[in-house]
Amino acid sequence: MDMVTTKTMSKQQKVEVALLMEDLERQIEAKSLILDTRGVDIN
């Protein structure tokens, strides 16, 4: 592969990974909130 392609790919991947991590954090927060409310409802 060309060095240029690899560099641009790694930059894009870093951005994509960062976005995925943010997405996962929001999902985890939402799930834990849902679990918390469910736990309260059960108790």
Protein backbone atom coordinates (compact mmCIF):
# COMPACT_ATOMS: atom_id res chain seq x y z
CA MET A 1 0.00 0.00 0.00
CA ASP A 2 1.09 3.60 -0.53
CA MET A 3 2.26 5.50 2.51
CA VAL A 4 -0.25 8.25 1.72
CA THR A 5 -3.17 5.81 1.66
CA THR A 6 -2.10 4.23 4.94
CA LYS A 7 -1.80 7.63 6.62
CA THR A 8 -5.23 8.81 5.47
CA MET A 9 -6.77 5.47 6.41
CA SER A 10 -5.30 5.60 9.91
CA LYS A 11 -6.62 9.15 10.34
CA GLN A 12 -10.11 8.06 9.20
CA GLN A 13 -9.93 4.99 11.43
CA LYS A 14 -8.97 7.10 14.43
CA VAL A 15 -11.99 9.35 13.81
CA GLU A 16 -14.27 6.35 13.30
CA VAL A 17 -12.99 4.67 16.46
CA ALA A 18 -13.49 7.87 18.44
CA LEU A 19 -17.07 8.15 17.17
CA LEU A 20 -17.71 4.47 17.93
CA MET A 21 -16.37 4.91 21.46
CA GLU A 22 -18.65 7.94 22.05
CA ASP A 23 -21.56 5.92 20.65
CA LEU A 24 -20.79 2.97 22.93
CA GLU A 25 -20.51 5.22 25.98
CA ARG A 26 -23.94 6.73 25.25
CA GLN A 27 -25.44 3.25 24.73
CA ILE A 28 -23.92 1.99 27.98
CA GLU A 29 -25.21 5.04 29.86
CA ALA A 30 -28.69 4.58 28.37
CA LYS A 31 -28.70 0.85 29.16
CA SER A 32 -27.54 1.37 32.75
CA LEU A 33 -30.26 4.01 33.20
CA ILE A 34 -32.87 1.60 31.82
CA LEU A 35 -31.54 -1.17 34.08
CA ASP A 36 -31.64 1.17 37.06
CA THR A 37 -35.28 2.09 36.45
CA ARG A 38 -36.20 -1.55 35.87
CA GLY A 39 -34.45 -2.54 39.10
CA VAL A 40 -36.36 0.14 40.99
CA ASP A 41 -39.65 -1.01 39.41
CA ILE A 42 -38.98 -4.66 40.38
CA ASN A 43 -38.09 -3.72 43.96
